[in-house]
């Protein structure tokens, strides 16, 4: 029998691809009409005031030079709201963010999400050409390993897919942070993906592929370590 090559997997196939790991929702957020209305009605001005307590780590407009801290400027508000809710509930672990989100109300989180969504995304990093492996997985997936195309959910080059609720904009995010998050999904250390979708996908990715995908979406390359001189 001829081995199946890479195929483009749609939304239905994504759940099928991870059916072996289906479990209950890993987040307190349900995208009801009321929740969508709450988030979409967030007050950016109030969010800006709340952000004053976050600026030390996340920068004045949600963007920072810290390699493992995500840029929030221009991020999807539903995604920000979900992550803050997960931090508050403890379904996403971070000693800093769990504490920071503890006192936030649902309205506070919606307001913060509106503020970040209204800021300019960071596009200052020079774009680098993508590796064939990353392009293949991002745009086609790998049917033989039950890996769906990443862009099928996240949009072309991770720029956003309006057909899905609560998914992050990946385009121009930081290489190091994306590498850390994909690795954490693979190990199960991060487990706030609903129905284990990201854990199921990342379980089959190699270290090299994770790095390549982080380069693909960030538009940057891993720089070689020159701190140790060759003999």
N, C-alpha and C. Protein backbone atom coordinates (compact mmCIF):
# COMPACT_ATOMS: atom_id res chain seq x y z
N UNK A 1 0.85 -1.19 0.00
CA UNK A 1 0.00 0.00 0.00
C UNK A 1 0.88 1.24 0.00
N UNK A 2 0.55 2.21 -0.86
CA UNK A 2 1.36 3.42 -0.95
C UNK A 2 1.08 4.31 0.26
N UNK A 3 2.12 4.80 0.85
CA UNK A 3 1.98 5.64 2.03
C UNK A 3 1.34 6.97 1.65
N UNK A 4 0.39 7.40 2.48
CA UNK A 4 -0.30 8.67 2.20
C UNK A 4 0.65 9.83 2.43
N UNK A 5 0.58 10.79 1.52
CA UNK A 5 1.41 11.98 1.67
C UNK A 5 0.71 13.03 2.49
N UNK A 6 1.32 14.22 2.64
CA UNK A 6 0.71 15.30 3.39
C UNK A 6 -0.62 15.69 2.76
N UNK A 7 -1.59 15.97 3.62
CA UNK A 7 -2.90 16.40 3.13
C UNK A 7 -3.35 17.62 3.92
N UNK A 8 -4.23 18.38 3.31
CA UNK A 8 -4.79 19.54 3.98
C UNK A 8 -5.97 19.08 4.80
N UNK A 9 -5.91 19.28 6.12
CA UNK A 9 -6.97 18.82 6.99
C UNK A 9 -7.81 20.01 7.44
N UNK A 10 -9.11 19.89 7.34
CA UNK A 10 -10.01 20.96 7.75
C UNK A 10 -10.37 20.86 9.20
N UNK A 11 -11.34 21.69 9.62
CA UNK A 11 -11.71 21.77 11.02
C UNK A 11 -12.22 20.44 11.55
N UNK A 12 -13.05 19.75 10.75
CA UNK A 12 -13.57 18.48 11.22
C UNK A 12 -12.48 17.45 11.42
N UNK A 13 -11.49 17.47 10.53
CA UNK A 13 -10.41 16.50 10.64
C UNK A 13 -9.50 16.79 11.81
N UNK A 14 -9.48 18.04 12.25
CA UNK A 14 -8.62 18.38 13.38
C UNK A 14 -9.07 17.62 14.62
N UNK A 15 -10.39 17.60 14.86
CA UNK A 15 -10.88 16.86 16.01
C UNK A 15 -10.67 15.36 15.82
N UNK A 16 -10.84 14.88 14.59
CA UNK A 16 -10.61 13.46 14.33
C UNK A 16 -9.15 13.11 14.57
N UNK A 17 -8.27 14.03 14.21
CA UNK A 17 -6.84 13.77 14.34
C UNK A 17 -6.41 13.60 15.78
N UNK A 18 -7.17 14.20 16.70
CA UNK A 18 -6.78 14.11 18.10
C UNK A 18 -7.83 13.34 18.90
N UNK A 19 -8.64 12.54 18.22
CA UNK A 19 -9.72 11.85 18.90
C UNK A 19 -9.21 10.89 19.96
N UNK A 20 -7.97 10.43 19.80
CA UNK A 20 -7.42 9.52 20.80
C UNK A 20 -7.22 10.20 22.13
N UNK A 21 -7.18 11.52 22.13
CA UNK A 21 -6.90 12.23 23.39
C UNK A 21 -8.03 13.11 23.84
N UNK A 22 -9.25 12.91 23.35
CA UNK A 22 -10.35 13.78 23.73
C UNK A 22 -10.60 13.71 25.23
N UNK A 23 -10.86 14.86 25.80
CA UNK A 23 -11.20 14.93 27.21
C UNK A 23 -12.14 16.09 27.41
N UNK A 24 -12.46 16.38 28.61
CA UNK A 24 -13.35 17.50 28.88
C UNK A 24 -12.65 18.82 28.62
N UNK A 25 -13.43 19.88 28.53
CA UNK A 25 -12.86 21.20 28.32
C UNK A 25 -11.83 21.54 29.39
N UNK A 26 -10.73 22.17 28.97
CA UNK A 26 -9.64 22.51 29.88
C UNK A 26 -9.65 24.00 30.20
N UNK A 27 -10.78 24.63 30.08
CA UNK A 27 -10.90 26.06 30.30
C UNK A 27 -12.29 26.37 30.84
N UNK A 28 -12.41 27.39 31.69
CA UNK A 28 -13.74 27.76 32.20
C UNK A 28 -14.55 28.57 31.20
N UNK A 29 -13.97 28.93 30.07
CA UNK A 29 -14.63 29.81 29.11
C UNK A 29 -15.47 29.00 28.13
N UNK A 30 -16.73 29.39 27.99
CA UNK A 30 -17.61 28.84 26.97
C UNK A 30 -18.05 30.01 26.10
N UNK A 31 -17.96 29.83 24.78
CA UNK A 31 -18.26 30.94 23.88
C UNK A 31 -19.77 31.06 23.64
N UNK A 32 -20.44 31.45 24.70
CA UNK A 32 -21.87 31.71 24.62
C UNK A 32 -22.10 33.10 24.02
N UNK A 33 -23.34 33.38 23.65
CA UNK A 33 -23.68 34.70 23.13
C UNK A 33 -23.35 35.77 24.17
N UNK A 34 -23.61 35.48 25.43
CA UNK A 34 -23.35 36.45 26.49
C UNK A 34 -21.85 36.73 26.62
N UNK A 35 -21.02 35.67 26.54
CA UNK A 35 -19.57 35.86 26.67
C UNK A 35 -19.02 36.65 25.49
N UNK A 36 -19.46 36.31 24.29
CA UNK A 36 -19.01 37.04 23.11
C UNK A 36 -19.42 38.51 23.20
N UNK A 37 -20.62 38.77 23.66
CA UNK A 37 -21.08 40.16 23.80
C UNK A 37 -20.25 40.90 24.83
N UNK A 38 -19.91 40.22 25.94
CA UNK A 38 -19.09 40.83 26.98
C UNK A 38 -17.73 41.24 26.44
N UNK A 39 -17.06 40.31 25.76
CA UNK A 39 -15.70 40.58 25.27
C UNK A 39 -15.72 41.65 24.18
N UNK A 40 -16.65 41.54 23.27
CA UNK A 40 -16.72 42.51 22.17
C UNK A 40 -17.16 43.89 22.64
N UNK A 41 -17.73 43.95 23.83
CA UNK A 41 -18.11 45.24 24.39
C UNK A 41 -17.10 45.79 25.37
N UNK A 42 -15.89 45.22 25.37
CA UNK A 42 -14.86 45.68 26.29
C UNK A 42 -14.52 47.15 26.10
N UNK A 43 -14.21 47.82 27.20
CA UNK A 43 -13.90 49.25 27.19
C UNK A 43 -12.38 49.42 27.18
N UNK A 44 -11.82 49.83 26.04
CA UNK A 44 -10.37 49.94 25.89
C UNK A 44 -9.78 50.99 26.83
N UNK A 45 -10.54 52.06 27.10
CA UNK A 45 -10.04 53.11 28.00
C UNK A 45 -9.87 52.58 29.42
N UNK A 46 -10.84 51.78 29.86
CA UNK A 46 -10.71 51.17 31.19
C UNK A 46 -9.60 50.12 31.18
N UNK A 47 -9.48 49.43 30.05
CA UNK A 47 -8.41 48.45 29.93
C UNK A 47 -7.04 49.09 30.00
N UNK A 48 -6.90 50.27 29.42
CA UNK A 48 -5.62 50.99 29.47
C UNK A 48 -5.25 51.32 30.91
N UNK A 49 -6.24 51.69 31.70
CA UNK A 49 -5.98 52.00 33.10
C UNK A 49 -5.55 50.73 33.85
N UNK A 50 -6.23 49.63 33.59
CA UNK A 50 -5.86 48.38 34.23
C UNK A 50 -4.46 47.92 33.81
N UNK A 51 -4.11 48.22 32.56
CA UNK A 51 -2.81 47.80 32.02
C UNK A 51 -1.64 48.46 32.75
N UNK A 52 -1.88 49.54 33.45
CA UNK A 52 -0.79 50.21 34.16
C UNK A 52 -0.09 49.25 35.11
N UNK A 53 -0.83 48.27 35.65
CA UNK A 53 -0.23 47.28 36.55
C UNK A 53 0.50 46.18 35.79
N UNK A 54 0.30 46.14 34.47
CA UNK A 54 0.90 45.09 33.64
C UNK A 54 2.08 45.59 32.81
N UNK A 55 2.21 46.92 32.74
CA UNK A 55 3.16 47.53 31.82
C UNK A 55 4.62 47.18 32.12
N UNK A 56 4.93 46.92 33.39
CA UNK A 56 6.32 46.62 33.74
C UNK A 56 6.83 45.40 32.98
N UNK A 57 5.96 44.42 32.79
CA UNK A 57 6.36 43.21 32.06
C UNK A 57 5.97 43.27 30.59
N UNK A 58 4.81 43.86 30.29
CA UNK A 58 4.27 43.79 28.93
C UNK A 58 4.46 45.06 28.12
N UNK A 59 5.14 46.07 28.67
CA UNK A 59 5.38 47.28 27.90
C UNK A 59 4.19 48.22 27.89
N UNK A 60 4.43 49.46 27.48
CA UNK A 60 3.38 50.49 27.53
C UNK A 60 2.18 50.16 26.65
N UNK A 61 2.42 49.48 25.51
CA UNK A 61 1.33 49.18 24.59
C UNK A 61 1.16 47.68 24.39
N UNK A 62 1.62 46.89 25.35
CA UNK A 62 1.46 45.44 25.27
C UNK A 62 2.58 44.71 24.56
N UNK A 63 3.59 45.44 24.09
CA UNK A 63 4.72 44.82 23.39
C UNK A 63 6.00 45.05 24.18
N UNK A 64 6.85 44.05 24.22
CA UNK A 64 8.07 44.13 25.01
C UNK A 64 9.20 43.40 24.30
N UNK A 65 10.43 43.73 24.66
CA UNK A 65 11.59 43.07 24.06
C UNK A 65 11.94 41.75 24.75
N UNK A 66 11.30 41.43 25.86
CA UNK A 66 11.62 40.20 26.58
C UNK A 66 11.29 38.99 25.72
N UNK A 67 12.26 38.12 25.42
CA UNK A 67 12.07 37.04 24.42
C UNK A 67 10.97 36.05 24.74
N UNK A 68 10.73 35.76 26.04
CA UNK A 68 9.74 34.74 26.36
C UNK A 68 8.42 35.32 26.87
N UNK A 69 8.22 36.63 26.65
CA UNK A 69 6.95 37.27 26.99
C UNK A 69 6.24 37.63 25.70
N UNK A 70 5.02 37.15 25.49
CA UNK A 70 4.34 37.40 24.21
C UNK A 70 3.99 38.86 24.01
N UNK A 71 3.98 39.29 22.76
CA UNK A 71 3.49 40.62 22.42
C UNK A 71 1.96 40.57 22.38
N UNK A 72 1.32 41.54 23.01
CA UNK A 72 -0.14 41.56 23.10
C UNK A 72 -0.78 42.60 22.20
N UNK A 73 0.01 43.53 21.67
CA UNK A 73 -0.53 44.56 20.79
C UNK A 73 -1.14 43.95 19.54
N UNK A 74 -2.43 44.22 19.29
CA UNK A 74 -3.10 43.68 18.12
C UNK A 74 -3.57 42.25 18.27
N UNK A 75 -3.43 41.68 19.47
CA UNK A 75 -3.84 40.28 19.67
C UNK A 75 -5.36 40.16 19.69
N UNK A 76 -5.86 39.02 19.26
CA UNK A 76 -7.30 38.76 19.23
C UNK A 76 -7.89 38.91 20.64
N UNK A 77 -8.93 39.73 20.82
CA UNK A 77 -9.46 39.97 22.17
C UNK A 77 -10.07 38.73 22.81
N UNK A 78 -10.67 37.85 22.00
CA UNK A 78 -11.24 36.64 22.57
C UNK A 78 -10.14 35.73 23.13
N UNK A 79 -8.99 35.70 22.44
CA UNK A 79 -7.87 34.90 22.94
C UNK A 79 -7.34 35.47 24.25
N UNK A 80 -7.15 36.79 24.31
CA UNK A 80 -6.64 37.41 25.54
C UNK A 80 -7.60 37.15 26.70
N UNK A 81 -8.88 37.32 26.44
CA UNK A 81 -9.88 37.09 27.48
C UNK A 81 -9.81 35.65 27.98
N UNK A 82 -9.72 34.70 27.06
CA UNK A 82 -9.66 33.30 27.46
C UNK A 82 -8.43 33.00 28.29
N UNK A 83 -7.27 33.52 27.88
CA UNK A 83 -6.05 33.23 28.62
C UNK A 83 -6.09 33.84 30.02
N UNK A 84 -6.60 35.06 30.14
CA UNK A 84 -6.72 35.67 31.46
C UNK A 84 -7.67 34.86 32.34
N UNK A 85 -8.77 34.40 31.76
CA UNK A 85 -9.73 33.57 32.50
C UNK A 85 -9.08 32.27 32.95
N UNK A 86 -8.28 31.68 32.06
CA UNK A 86 -7.60 30.42 32.41
C UNK A 86 -6.56 30.63 33.49
N UNK A 87 -5.84 31.74 33.42
CA UNK A 87 -4.87 32.05 34.48
C UNK A 87 -5.59 32.21 35.82
N UNK A 88 -6.70 32.91 35.79
CA UNK A 88 -7.46 33.14 37.04
C UNK A 88 -7.96 31.82 37.61
N UNK A 89 -8.45 30.94 36.73
CA UNK A 89 -9.00 29.66 37.18
C UNK A 89 -7.91 28.65 37.51
N UNK A 90 -6.67 28.92 37.07
CA UNK A 90 -5.57 27.99 37.32
C UNK A 90 -5.47 26.88 36.30
N UNK A 91 -6.25 26.94 35.21
CA UNK A 91 -6.15 25.92 34.17
C UNK A 91 -4.97 26.16 33.24
N UNK A 92 -4.39 27.35 33.32
CA UNK A 92 -3.09 27.62 32.70
C UNK A 92 -2.16 28.09 33.80
N UNK A 93 -1.05 27.42 33.94
CA UNK A 93 -0.17 27.66 35.08
C UNK A 93 0.92 28.68 34.79
N UNK A 94 1.03 29.65 35.67
CA UNK A 94 2.12 30.63 35.66
C UNK A 94 2.05 31.35 37.00
N UNK A 95 3.10 31.24 37.79
CA UNK A 95 3.07 31.84 39.12
C UNK A 95 2.80 33.34 39.06
N UNK A 96 3.37 34.00 38.04
CA UNK A 96 3.18 35.45 37.91
C UNK A 96 1.77 35.77 37.43
N UNK A 97 1.33 35.12 36.35
CA UNK A 97 0.03 35.45 35.77
C UNK A 97 -1.14 34.93 36.61
N UNK A 98 -0.98 33.81 37.28
CA UNK A 98 -2.04 33.33 38.16
C UNK A 98 -2.32 34.34 39.26
N UNK A 99 -1.27 34.93 39.79
CA UNK A 99 -1.43 35.94 40.83
C UNK A 99 -2.00 37.23 40.25
N UNK A 100 -1.51 37.63 39.07
CA UNK A 100 -1.94 38.88 38.46
C UNK A 100 -3.42 38.84 38.08
N UNK A 101 -3.90 37.68 37.66
CA UNK A 101 -5.29 37.58 37.20
C UNK A 101 -6.27 37.29 38.32
N UNK A 102 -5.76 36.99 39.49
CA UNK A 102 -6.61 36.54 40.59
C UNK A 102 -7.72 37.53 40.94
N UNK A 103 -7.41 38.82 40.89
CA UNK A 103 -8.38 39.84 41.32
C UNK A 103 -9.19 40.42 40.16
N UNK A 104 -8.96 39.94 38.93
CA UNK A 104 -9.66 40.51 37.78
C UNK A 104 -11.08 39.96 37.67
N UNK A 105 -12.02 40.85 37.39
CA UNK A 105 -13.39 40.43 37.12
C UNK A 105 -13.51 40.08 35.65
N UNK A 106 -14.63 39.49 35.26
CA UNK A 106 -14.85 39.20 33.85
C UNK A 106 -14.86 40.48 33.03
N UNK A 107 -15.42 41.54 33.58
CA UNK A 107 -15.43 42.83 32.89
C UNK A 107 -14.02 43.38 32.76
N UNK A 108 -13.20 43.25 33.82
CA UNK A 108 -11.81 43.70 33.74
C UNK A 108 -11.07 43.00 32.60
N UNK A 109 -11.27 41.69 32.50
CA UNK A 109 -10.57 40.92 31.47
C UNK A 109 -11.03 41.32 30.07
N UNK A 110 -12.31 41.61 29.93
CA UNK A 110 -12.83 42.07 28.64
C UNK A 110 -12.25 43.44 28.29
N UNK A 111 -12.12 44.30 29.29
CA UNK A 111 -11.57 45.63 29.05
C UNK A 111 -10.09 45.56 28.67
N UNK A 112 -9.34 44.72 29.36
CA UNK A 112 -7.93 44.54 29.01
C UNK A 112 -7.79 43.98 27.60
N UNK A 113 -8.63 43.02 27.27
CA UNK A 113 -8.59 42.42 25.93
C UNK A 113 -8.86 43.47 24.86
N UNK A 114 -9.80 44.38 25.13
CA UNK A 114 -10.12 45.44 24.18
C UNK A 114 -8.95 46.41 24.02
N UNK A 115 -8.28 46.70 25.12
CA UNK A 115 -7.12 47.60 25.05
C UNK A 115 -6.01 47.02 24.19
N UNK A 116 -5.66 45.75 24.45
CA UNK A 116 -4.58 45.14 23.69
C UNK A 116 -4.93 44.99 22.21
N UNK A 117 -6.17 44.65 21.95
CA UNK A 117 -6.60 44.48 20.55
C UNK A 117 -6.48 45.77 19.77
N UNK A 118 -6.62 46.90 20.46
CA UNK A 118 -6.57 48.19 19.80
C UNK A 118 -5.17 48.76 19.62
N UNK A 119 -4.16 48.07 20.16
CA UNK A 119 -2.78 48.54 20.01
C UNK A 119 -2.17 47.99 18.73
N UNK A 120 -1.15 48.65 18.25
CA UNK A 120 -0.50 48.21 17.02
C UNK A 120 0.33 46.96 17.27
N UNK A 121 0.19 45.95 16.42
CA UNK A 121 1.05 44.77 16.57
C UNK A 121 2.49 45.12 16.22
N UNK A 122 3.41 44.35 16.75
CA UNK A 122 4.82 44.62 16.50
C UNK A 122 5.24 43.96 15.20
N UNK A 123 5.72 44.76 14.25
CA UNK A 123 6.16 44.23 12.96
C UNK A 123 7.61 44.64 12.66
N UNK A 124 8.39 44.86 13.70
CA UNK A 124 9.73 45.38 13.49
C UNK A 124 10.81 44.36 13.19
N UNK A 125 10.47 43.07 13.31
CA UNK A 125 11.49 42.05 13.09
C UNK A 125 11.64 41.76 11.60
N UNK A 126 12.87 41.64 11.13
CA UNK A 126 13.06 41.32 9.70
C UNK A 126 12.55 39.92 9.40
N UNK A 127 11.84 39.76 8.29
CA UNK A 127 11.30 38.45 7.94
C UNK A 127 12.38 37.59 7.28
N UNK A 128 12.38 36.33 7.64
CA UNK A 128 13.32 35.38 7.06
C UNK A 128 12.53 34.34 6.27
N UNK A 129 13.15 33.76 5.27
CA UNK A 129 12.47 32.74 4.48
C UNK A 129 12.21 31.51 5.35
N UNK A 130 11.12 30.81 5.07
CA UNK A 130 10.73 29.66 5.88
C UNK A 130 11.38 28.38 5.37
N UNK A 131 11.58 27.46 6.27
CA UNK A 131 12.11 26.16 5.86
C UNK A 131 10.99 25.37 5.18
N UNK A 132 11.34 24.49 4.25
CA UNK A 132 10.32 23.66 3.58
C UNK A 132 9.49 22.84 4.56
N UNK A 133 10.13 22.36 5.63
CA UNK A 133 9.42 21.54 6.61
C UNK A 133 8.33 22.34 7.31
N UNK A 134 8.67 23.57 7.71
CA UNK A 134 7.69 24.42 8.39
C UNK A 134 6.55 24.80 7.47
N UNK A 135 6.88 25.16 6.24
CA UNK A 135 5.86 25.54 5.27
C UNK A 135 4.91 24.38 5.00
N UNK A 136 5.45 23.18 4.90
CA UNK A 136 4.63 22.00 4.63
C UNK A 136 3.65 21.75 5.79
N UNK A 137 4.15 21.76 7.02
CA UNK A 137 3.28 21.48 8.16
C UNK A 137 2.26 22.60 8.35
N UNK A 138 2.69 23.84 8.18
CA UNK A 138 1.79 24.96 8.40
C UNK A 138 0.67 25.03 7.37
N UNK A 139 0.99 24.71 6.14
CA UNK A 139 0.00 24.88 5.06
C UNK A 139 -0.69 23.59 4.63
N UNK A 140 -0.01 22.45 4.81
CA UNK A 140 -0.58 21.17 4.37
C UNK A 140 -0.83 20.19 5.51
N UNK A 141 -0.02 20.29 6.56
CA UNK A 141 -0.08 19.30 7.62
C UNK A 141 0.65 18.04 7.21
N UNK A 142 0.47 17.00 7.99
CA UNK A 142 1.08 15.70 7.70
C UNK A 142 0.05 14.62 8.05
N UNK A 143 -0.67 14.16 7.01
CA UNK A 143 -1.73 13.20 7.25
C UNK A 143 -1.25 11.90 7.84
N UNK A 144 -0.04 11.48 7.48
CA UNK A 144 0.49 10.22 7.98
C UNK A 144 0.68 10.24 9.49
N UNK A 145 0.93 11.42 10.05
CA UNK A 145 1.12 11.54 11.50
C UNK A 145 -0.05 12.24 12.18
N UNK A 146 -1.16 12.39 11.47
CA UNK A 146 -2.36 13.02 12.02
C UNK A 146 -2.09 14.44 12.50
N UNK A 147 -1.27 15.17 11.74
CA UNK A 147 -0.99 16.57 12.05
C UNK A 147 -1.75 17.43 11.04
N UNK A 148 -2.75 18.20 11.48
CA UNK A 148 -3.48 19.08 10.56
C UNK A 148 -2.65 20.30 10.21
N UNK A 149 -3.02 20.98 9.14
CA UNK A 149 -2.34 22.22 8.75
C UNK A 149 -2.60 23.29 9.80
N UNK A 150 -1.55 23.86 10.34
CA UNK A 150 -1.69 24.89 11.38
C UNK A 150 -2.49 26.09 10.87
N UNK A 151 -2.25 26.47 9.60
CA UNK A 151 -2.93 27.63 9.05
C UNK A 151 -4.42 27.41 8.88
N UNK A 152 -4.86 26.15 8.88
CA UNK A 152 -6.29 25.87 8.74
C UNK A 152 -7.09 26.48 9.88
N UNK A 153 -6.49 26.51 11.06
CA UNK A 153 -7.15 27.12 12.22
C UNK A 153 -6.68 28.56 12.45
N UNK A 154 -5.38 28.77 12.29
CA UNK A 154 -4.80 30.06 12.69
C UNK A 154 -4.77 31.09 11.56
N UNK A 155 -5.19 30.70 10.36
CA UNK A 155 -5.16 31.63 9.23
C UNK A 155 -3.81 31.63 8.55
N UNK A 156 -3.78 32.11 7.31
CA UNK A 156 -2.54 32.15 6.56
C UNK A 156 -1.44 32.88 7.29
N UNK A 157 -0.32 32.19 7.47
CA UNK A 157 0.85 32.71 8.20
C UNK A 157 0.48 33.10 9.63
N UNK A 158 -0.62 32.55 10.13
CA UNK A 158 -1.02 32.82 11.51
C UNK A 158 -1.60 34.20 11.72
N UNK A 159 -2.06 34.83 10.63
CA UNK A 159 -2.53 36.22 10.71
C UNK A 159 -3.89 36.36 11.36
N UNK A 160 -4.64 35.27 11.53
CA UNK A 160 -5.93 35.23 12.20
C UNK A 160 -6.95 34.55 11.31
N UNK A 161 -7.79 33.76 11.94
CA UNK A 161 -8.88 33.11 11.25
C UNK A 161 -10.17 33.53 11.93
N UNK A 162 -10.95 34.41 11.33
CA UNK A 162 -12.17 34.91 11.97
C UNK A 162 -13.23 33.84 12.18
N UNK A 163 -13.04 32.67 11.58
CA UNK A 163 -14.02 31.61 11.74
C UNK A 163 -13.89 30.82 13.02
N UNK A 164 -12.83 31.10 13.81
CA UNK A 164 -12.61 30.37 15.05
C UNK A 164 -12.55 31.35 16.22
N UNK A 165 -13.15 30.98 17.34
CA UNK A 165 -13.16 31.84 18.53
C UNK A 165 -11.99 31.51 19.45
N UNK A 166 -11.35 32.56 19.93
CA UNK A 166 -10.36 32.39 20.98
C UNK A 166 -9.01 31.87 20.56
N UNK A 167 -8.69 31.91 19.26
CA UNK A 167 -7.37 31.46 18.81
C UNK A 167 -6.43 32.65 18.66
N UNK A 168 -5.16 32.47 18.97
CA UNK A 168 -4.23 33.60 18.93
C UNK A 168 -3.78 33.97 17.53
N UNK A 169 -3.45 35.25 17.36
CA UNK A 169 -2.71 35.70 16.18
C UNK A 169 -1.25 35.27 16.40
N UNK A 170 -0.71 34.49 15.49
CA UNK A 170 0.66 33.99 15.63
C UNK A 170 1.67 34.80 14.83
N UNK A 171 1.21 35.49 13.82
CA UNK A 171 2.13 36.23 12.94
C UNK A 171 2.94 37.25 13.72
N UNK A 172 4.26 37.17 13.57
CA UNK A 172 5.21 38.10 14.18
C UNK A 172 5.30 37.98 15.70
N UNK A 173 4.77 36.89 16.26
CA UNK A 173 5.01 36.65 17.68
C UNK A 173 6.47 36.24 17.87
N UNK A 174 6.91 36.20 19.12
CA UNK A 174 8.33 35.94 19.39
C UNK A 174 8.68 34.47 19.20
N UNK A 175 9.83 34.26 18.58
CA UNK A 175 10.30 32.91 18.32
C UNK A 175 10.46 32.12 19.61
N UNK A 176 11.10 32.69 20.60
CA UNK A 176 11.38 31.95 21.83
C UNK A 176 10.09 31.59 22.56
N UNK A 177 9.16 32.55 22.65
CA UNK A 177 7.92 32.27 23.36
C UNK A 177 7.12 31.19 22.65
N UNK A 178 7.04 31.24 21.32
CA UNK A 178 6.30 30.20 20.60
C UNK A 178 6.95 28.84 20.75
N UNK A 179 8.27 28.80 20.76
CA UNK A 179 8.98 27.53 20.97
C UNK A 179 8.64 26.96 22.34
N UNK A 180 8.65 27.82 23.34
CA UNK A 180 8.33 27.40 24.70
C UNK A 180 6.90 26.87 24.78
N UNK A 181 5.96 27.58 24.17
CA UNK A 181 4.55 27.18 24.26
C UNK A 181 4.27 25.88 23.52
N UNK A 182 4.82 25.72 22.33
CA UNK A 182 4.62 24.48 21.58
C UNK A 182 5.23 23.29 22.33
N UNK A 183 6.40 23.51 22.92
CA UNK A 183 7.05 22.45 23.70
C UNK A 183 6.22 22.10 24.92
N UNK A 184 5.63 23.13 25.56
CA UNK A 184 4.81 22.90 26.75
C UNK A 184 3.53 22.14 26.40
N UNK A 185 2.93 22.44 25.24
CA UNK A 185 1.77 21.66 24.79
C UNK A 185 2.18 20.20 24.55
N UNK A 186 3.34 20.00 23.96
CA UNK A 186 3.78 18.64 23.65
C UNK A 186 3.98 17.81 24.92
N UNK A 187 4.55 18.42 25.94
CA UNK A 187 4.82 17.69 27.19
C UNK A 187 3.58 17.59 28.08
N UNK A 188 2.57 18.42 27.80
CA UNK A 188 1.39 18.46 28.65
C UNK A 188 1.51 19.46 29.77
N UNK A 189 2.66 20.13 29.86
CA UNK A 189 2.84 21.15 30.90
C UNK A 189 1.80 22.27 30.73
N UNK A 190 1.49 22.61 29.48
CA UNK A 190 0.40 23.54 29.21
C UNK A 190 -0.79 22.72 28.74
N UNK A 191 -1.93 22.90 29.41
CA UNK A 191 -3.06 22.01 29.15
C UNK A 191 -4.39 22.75 29.10
N UNK A 192 -4.36 24.03 28.72
CA UNK A 192 -5.63 24.77 28.66
C UNK A 192 -6.20 24.83 27.25
N UNK A 193 -5.77 23.92 26.39
CA UNK A 193 -6.34 23.80 25.06
C UNK A 193 -7.60 22.94 25.14
N UNK A 194 -8.72 23.47 24.66
CA UNK A 194 -9.98 22.76 24.76
C UNK A 194 -9.93 21.47 23.94
N UNK A 195 -10.36 20.38 24.55
CA UNK A 195 -10.37 19.05 23.93
C UNK A 195 -8.99 18.59 23.46
N UNK A 196 -7.94 19.11 24.12
CA UNK A 196 -6.57 18.63 23.89
C UNK A 196 -6.10 18.80 22.45
N UNK A 197 -6.67 19.73 21.72
CA UNK A 197 -6.32 19.88 20.30
C UNK A 197 -4.82 20.17 20.12
N UNK A 198 -4.30 21.17 20.82
CA UNK A 198 -2.89 21.52 20.65
C UNK A 198 -1.96 20.46 21.22
N UNK A 199 -2.37 19.83 22.30
CA UNK A 199 -1.54 18.75 22.84
C UNK A 199 -1.48 17.57 21.88
N UNK A 200 -2.61 17.28 21.25
CA UNK A 200 -2.63 16.19 20.28
C UNK A 200 -1.76 16.47 19.08
N UNK A 201 -1.79 17.71 18.58
CA UNK A 201 -0.98 18.08 17.42
C UNK A 201 0.51 18.09 17.78
N UNK A 202 0.84 18.75 18.87
CA UNK A 202 2.25 18.93 19.23
C UNK A 202 2.91 17.63 19.67
N UNK A 203 2.11 16.67 20.11
CA UNK A 203 2.67 15.39 20.54
C UNK A 203 3.49 14.74 19.45
N UNK A 204 3.14 15.00 18.20
CA UNK A 204 3.82 14.36 17.08
C UNK A 204 4.88 15.23 16.41
N UNK A 205 5.17 16.39 16.98
CA UNK A 205 6.18 17.27 16.41
C UNK A 205 7.55 17.01 17.04
N UNK A 206 8.58 17.04 16.23
CA UNK A 206 9.94 16.92 16.74
C UNK A 206 10.44 18.29 17.21
N UNK A 207 11.56 18.29 17.92
CA UNK A 207 12.16 19.56 18.35
C UNK A 207 12.47 20.44 17.14
N UNK A 208 13.00 19.81 16.09
CA UNK A 208 13.36 20.56 14.89
C UNK A 208 12.13 21.19 14.25
N UNK A 209 11.03 20.46 14.22
CA UNK A 209 9.80 20.98 13.63
C UNK A 209 9.20 22.10 14.46
N UNK A 210 9.28 21.97 15.77
CA UNK A 210 8.77 23.04 16.64
C UNK A 210 9.56 24.32 16.40
N UNK A 211 10.88 24.20 16.33
CA UNK A 211 11.70 25.38 16.05
C UNK A 211 11.38 25.97 14.69
N UNK A 212 11.21 25.11 13.69
CA UNK A 212 10.91 25.57 12.33
C UNK A 212 9.57 26.29 12.28
N UNK A 213 8.56 25.79 12.98
CA UNK A 213 7.26 26.45 13.00
C UNK A 213 7.33 27.79 13.73
N UNK A 214 8.10 27.85 14.80
CA UNK A 214 8.27 29.12 15.51
C UNK A 214 8.96 30.15 14.61
N UNK A 215 9.91 29.68 13.81
CA UNK A 215 10.57 30.57 12.84
C UNK A 215 9.58 31.01 11.76
N UNK A 216 8.76 30.08 11.31
CA UNK A 216 7.78 30.37 10.24
C UNK A 216 6.83 31.48 10.67
N UNK A 217 6.30 31.40 11.88
CA UNK A 217 5.32 32.40 12.32
C UNK A 217 5.96 33.69 12.82
N UNK A 218 7.13 33.58 13.43
CA UNK A 218 7.78 34.79 13.93
C UNK A 218 8.49 35.55 12.82
N UNK A 219 8.88 34.83 11.77
CA UNK A 219 9.62 35.46 10.68
C UNK A 219 11.08 35.66 11.00
N UNK A 220 11.56 35.02 12.07
CA UNK A 220 12.97 35.16 12.47
C UNK A 220 13.62 33.79 12.53
N UNK A 221 14.93 33.80 12.62
CA UNK A 221 15.71 32.57 12.69
C UNK A 221 16.35 32.41 14.05
N UNK A 222 16.53 31.17 14.47
CA UNK A 222 17.32 30.90 15.66
C UNK A 222 18.76 31.27 15.34
N UNK A 223 19.34 32.10 16.18
CA UNK A 223 20.72 32.52 15.97
C UNK A 223 21.68 31.49 16.54
N UNK A 224 22.73 31.14 15.81
CA UNK A 224 23.70 30.16 16.33
C UNK A 224 24.40 30.69 17.57
N UNK A 225 24.72 29.78 18.48
CA UNK A 225 25.40 30.15 19.72
C UNK A 225 26.88 30.36 19.42
N UNK A 226 27.33 31.60 19.53
CA UNK A 226 28.74 31.92 19.26
C UNK A 226 29.53 32.16 20.55
N UNK A 227 28.88 31.86 21.69
CA UNK A 227 29.54 32.12 22.97
C UNK A 227 30.67 31.12 23.23
N UNK A 228 30.58 29.93 22.63
CA UNK A 228 31.63 28.91 22.83
C UNK A 228 32.43 28.80 21.54
N UNK A 229 33.69 29.09 21.61
CA UNK A 229 34.56 29.04 20.44
C UNK A 229 34.97 27.60 20.14
N UNK A 230 34.96 27.27 18.87
CA UNK A 230 35.38 25.95 18.47
C UNK A 230 36.89 25.82 18.62
N UNK A 231 37.40 24.64 19.04
CA UNK A 231 38.86 24.47 19.19
C UNK A 231 39.55 24.48 17.84
